[in-house]
Amino acid sequence: MKIEELIQKLPAEFHDLARRYTPVLIGWGFEDLQAWVEQIAKGNWQTAYQKLVASMDTEALIAEERKSHEILQKLNKDNAEAINLRKAIVEQVLLTSILMLAKNISE
């Protein structure tokens, strides 16, 4: 079975990650892979990620940094949009409350 066939068996949201890190993981021995999987299973994501990054060459690290930067920019944009939406909702609720209060005062 080819690596791409294995990647296709993963949920779609993990395909990009698998393609990015497969070249590094292929170079590891069984014990290294087992220890890495155990770290992930224990929830030690940072330790597992640091081990992965330590195995990357400079070019791969730069590409990883760029990809991480793109992801963070998208998350920041999405978060800013969500904050602006919440502000708009709060503004509308406050304006509606003021109008209701003004109507009650004038009656």
Protein backbone atom coordinates (compact mmCIF):
# COMPACT_ATOMS: atom_id res chain seq x y z
CA MET A 1 0.00 0.00 0.00
CA LYS A 2 1.32 3.43 -0.93
CA ILE A 3 1.53 6.31 1.53
CA GLU A 4 -1.01 8.37 -0.41
CA GLU A 5 -3.48 5.48 -0.11
CA LEU A 6 -2.96 5.49 3.66
CA ILE A 7 -3.44 9.25 3.80
CA GLN A 8 -6.71 8.89 1.88
CA LYS A 9 -7.99 6.59 4.64
CA LEU A 10 -7.61 9.41 7.18
CA PRO A 11 -10.43 11.91 7.75
CA ALA A 12 -10.17 14.66 5.12
CA GLU A 13 -9.17 17.33 7.64
CA PHE A 14 -5.94 15.40 8.39
CA HIS A 15 -4.78 14.90 4.78
CA ASP A 16 -2.73 18.12 4.65
CA LEU A 17 -1.05 17.40 7.98
CA ALA A 18 -0.21 13.85 6.94
CA ARG A 19 1.31 15.07 3.67
CA ARG A 20 3.34 17.73 5.47
CA TYR A 21 4.86 15.42 8.07
CA THR A 22 5.09 12.06 6.27
CA PRO A 23 8.57 12.78 4.84
CA VAL A 24 9.93 13.29 8.36
CA LEU A 25 8.13 10.30 9.87
CA ILE A 26 9.34 7.97 7.12
CA GLY A 27 12.92 8.57 8.24
CA TRP A 28 12.23 7.47 11.81
CA GLY A 29 12.75 4.02 13.21
CA PHE A 30 9.93 2.02 14.78
CA GLU A 31 10.93 2.96 18.35
CA ASP A 32 10.91 6.67 17.49
CA LEU A 33 7.50 6.38 15.84
CA GLN A 34 6.13 4.43 18.78
CA ALA A 35 7.43 6.98 21.30
CA TRP A 36 5.98 9.83 19.20
CA VAL A 37 2.55 8.18 18.97
CA GLU A 38 2.61 7.53 22.72
CA GLN A 39 3.26 11.24 23.37
CA ILE A 40 0.26 12.15 21.22
CA ALA A 41 -1.91 9.52 22.92
CA LYS A 42 -0.98 10.98 26.32
CA GLY A 43 -1.98 14.44 25.12
CA ASN A 44 1.60 15.71 25.08
CA TRP A 45 1.13 17.50 21.76
CA GLN A 46 3.89 20.03 22.31
CA THR A 47 6.47 17.36 23.12
CA ALA A 48 5.44 15.35 20.05
CA TYR A 49 5.53 18.44 17.83
CA GLN A 50 8.96 19.45 19.14
CA LYS A 51 10.31 15.99 18.35
CA LEU A 52 8.89 16.23 14.85
CA VAL A 53 10.31 19.71 14.27
CA ALA A 54 13.72 18.66 15.59
CA SER A 55 13.87 16.08 12.80
CA MET A 56 13.14 18.57 10.01
CA ASP A 57 15.74 20.15 7.80
CA THR A 58 15.94 23.93 7.43
CA GLU A 59 13.88 24.05 4.26
CA ALA A 60 11.09 21.99 5.85
CA LEU A 61 11.16 24.15 8.97
CA ILE A 62 10.79 27.33 6.91
CA ALA A 63 7.88 25.79 4.97
CA GLU A 64 6.28 24.70 8.26
CA GLU A 65 6.67 28.20 9.70
CA ARG A 66 5.03 29.72 6.62
CA LYS A 67 2.14 27.26 6.78
CA SER A 68 1.68 27.93 10.50
CA HIS A 69 1.73 31.66 9.81
CA GLU A 70 -0.98 31.28 7.15
CA ILE A 71 -3.14 29.27 9.54
CA LEU A 72 -2.70 31.84 12.32
CA GLN A 73 -3.56 34.70 9.96
CA LYS A 74 -6.78 32.94 8.95
CA LEU A 75 -7.66 32.21 12.58
CA ASN A 76 -6.99 35.85 13.51
CA LYS A 77 -9.19 37.06 10.65
CA ASP A 78 -11.98 34.66 11.63
CA ASN A 79 -11.69 35.72 15.26
CA ALA A 80 -11.80 39.43 14.35
CA GLU A 81 -14.91 38.83 12.26
CA ALA A 82 -16.56 36.98 15.15
CA ILE A 83 -15.69 39.80 17.55
CA ASN A 84 -17.09 42.40 15.15
CA LEU A 85 -20.29 40.36 14.81
CA ARG A 86 -20.67 40.16 18.59
CA LYS A 87 -20.12 43.92 18.87
CA ALA A 88 -22.78 44.55 16.23
CA ILE A 89 -25.23 42.27 18.07
CA VAL A 90 -24.56 44.00 21.39
CA GLU A 91 -25.02 47.38 19.71
CA GLN A 92 -28.36 46.31 18.24
CA VAL A 93 -29.54 44.91 21.58
CA LEU A 94 -28.59 48.14 23.35
CA LEU A 95 -30.28 50.30 20.71
CA THR A 96 -33.42 48.18 20.90
CA SER A 97 -33.37 48.43 24.69
CA ILE A 98 -33.02 52.22 24.53
CA LEU A 99 -35.91 52.48 22.06
CA MET A 100 -38.10 50.27 24.26
CA LEU A 101 -37.18 52.33 27.32
CA ALA A 102 -37.90 55.58 25.46
CA LYS A 103 -41.27 54.25 24.35
CA ASN A 104 -42.17 53.23 27.92
CA ILE A 105 -41.11 56.62 29.28
CA SER A 106 -43.15 58.53 26.70
CA GLU A 107 -46.34 56.56 27.41
